[in-house]
Protein backbone atom coordinates (compact mmCIF):
# COMPACT_ATOMS: atom_id res chain seq x y z
CA UNK A 1 152.69 183.13 87.38
CA UNK A 2 152.72 180.41 90.13
CA UNK A 3 155.46 179.25 92.47
CA UNK A 4 156.41 175.86 91.61
CA UNK A 5 157.71 174.34 94.83
CA UNK A 6 159.33 171.07 94.49
CA UNK A 7 159.87 168.52 97.60
CA UNK A 8 162.77 166.21 96.72
CA UNK A 9 163.05 163.02 98.44
CA UNK A 10 165.28 159.78 98.38
CA UNK A 11 163.92 156.24 98.01
CA UNK A 12 164.12 156.07 101.75
CA UNK A 13 161.71 158.91 102.16
CA UNK A 14 164.36 161.17 103.49
CA UNK A 15 164.30 164.84 102.37
CA UNK A 16 167.53 165.54 100.09
CA UNK A 17 169.03 168.90 100.57
CA UNK A 18 171.29 170.47 98.06
CA UNK A 19 169.35 168.94 95.09
CA UNK A 20 169.59 171.09 91.95
CA UNK A 21 166.02 171.37 90.24
CA UNK A 22 165.79 172.85 86.90
CA UNK A 23 162.56 173.75 85.01
CA UNK A 24 162.06 173.94 81.12
CA UNK A 25 158.82 174.75 79.39
CA UNK A 26 158.59 172.66 76.25
CA UNK A 27 156.39 175.32 74.38
CA UNK A 28 157.78 178.55 75.59
CA UNK A 29 160.90 179.23 77.22
CA UNK A 30 159.60 182.58 78.61
CA UNK A 31 156.98 180.88 80.65
CA UNK A 32 159.52 180.11 83.15
CA UNK A 33 161.18 182.58 85.76
CA UNK A 34 163.95 181.58 88.01
CA UNK A 35 164.37 178.21 86.16
CA UNK A 36 166.99 176.69 88.68
CA UNK A 37 166.73 176.19 92.26
CA UNK A 38 168.55 174.42 95.08
CA UNK A 39 166.60 172.71 97.76
CA UNK A 40 167.07 173.58 101.36
CA UNK A 41 167.59 171.14 104.26
CA UNK A 42 163.78 170.06 104.24
CA UNK A 43 164.47 169.21 100.67
CA UNK A 44 162.17 171.89 99.20
CA UNK A 45 162.88 174.47 96.57
CA UNK A 46 162.35 178.35 97.54
CA UNK A 47 158.63 179.68 98.20
CA UNK A 48 157.64 182.80 97.14
CA UNK A 49 159.04 185.58 94.55
CA UNK A 50 161.11 187.15 97.12
CA UNK A 51 162.85 184.02 97.83
CA UNK A 52 163.91 183.34 94.26
CA UNK A 53 161.21 180.63 93.84
CA UNK A 54 160.63 178.78 90.51
CA UNK A 55 157.77 180.70 88.73
CA UNK A 56 155.54 179.18 86.03
CA UNK A 57 152.87 180.42 83.93
CA UNK A 58 149.84 177.96 84.45
CA UNK A 59 147.57 179.31 81.61
CA UNK A 60 147.41 182.01 79.28
CA UNK A 61 144.20 183.33 77.56
CA UNK A 62 144.09 185.03 74.12
CA UNK A 63 141.25 187.42 72.84
CA UNK A 64 139.25 185.73 69.83
CA UNK A 65 136.51 187.12 67.72
CA UNK A 66 134.15 186.15 70.61
CA UNK A 67 135.11 187.92 73.67
CA UNK A 68 133.09 185.49 75.76
CA UNK A 69 135.32 182.41 74.27
CA UNK A 70 138.88 183.23 74.52
CA UNK A 71 141.51 180.87 73.18
CA UNK A 72 143.20 178.91 76.35
CA UNK A 73 146.81 177.86 76.15
CA UNK A 74 148.20 175.51 78.76
CA UNK A 75 151.70 174.56 79.17
CA UNK A 76 154.02 171.41 79.65
CA UNK A 77 157.18 171.64 81.86
CA UNK A 78 160.19 169.45 82.22
CA UNK A 79 161.46 169.19 85.74
CA UNK A 80 164.79 168.02 85.86
CA UNK A 81 166.32 166.88 89.34
CA UNK A 82 170.11 165.95 90.25
CA UNK A 83 171.49 165.19 93.56
CA UNK A 84 174.89 163.65 94.75
CA UNK A 85 174.50 159.88 95.09
CA UNK A 86 171.27 159.78 93.25
CA UNK A 87 170.15 159.09 89.68
CA UNK A 88 169.03 162.06 87.68
CA UNK A 89 165.40 162.12 87.06
CA UNK A 90 163.28 163.97 84.62
CA UNK A 91 159.37 164.50 85.29
CA UNK A 92 156.70 166.08 83.01
CA UNK A 93 154.16 168.51 84.50
CA UNK A 94 151.16 169.73 82.56
CA UNK A 95 149.21 172.78 83.63
CA UNK A 96 146.02 171.60 82.46
CA UNK A 97 145.85 169.91 85.69
CA UNK A 98 145.99 171.82 89.17
CA UNK A 99 149.84 172.33 90.37
CA UNK A 100 150.12 171.04 93.84
CA UNK A 101 151.24 173.24 96.81
CA UNK A 102 154.32 170.87 97.01
CA UNK A 103 155.32 168.95 93.78
CA UNK A 104 156.96 165.74 95.29
CA UNK A 105 159.86 164.04 93.42
CA UNK A 106 161.45 160.83 94.51
CA UNK A 107 165.10 159.96 93.46
CA UNK A 108 166.55 156.52 93.26
CA UNK A 109 169.94 155.73 94.03
């Protein structure tokens, strides 16, 4: 599992504290741990397991008849962000691409 850190900004580029960030996996609900977080004063969701970060599975391998060619699964996540005075936003994140260190989401007013 990987920590999914989101940075939430407003249309003016300023960080949004106290934004509610929810993550849902469209294929497997067990692929997300700590699916709900609130941003800090820097507009960031928590980092690291010890800080209740949102954790997601980036890929899963399943054994096949050929040990050198396991079946690969990737996941699609819906990230839903809400903040006072801003329009709710939903974005899609696919794990067949690398997850950035901080996933930037900009909200409109």
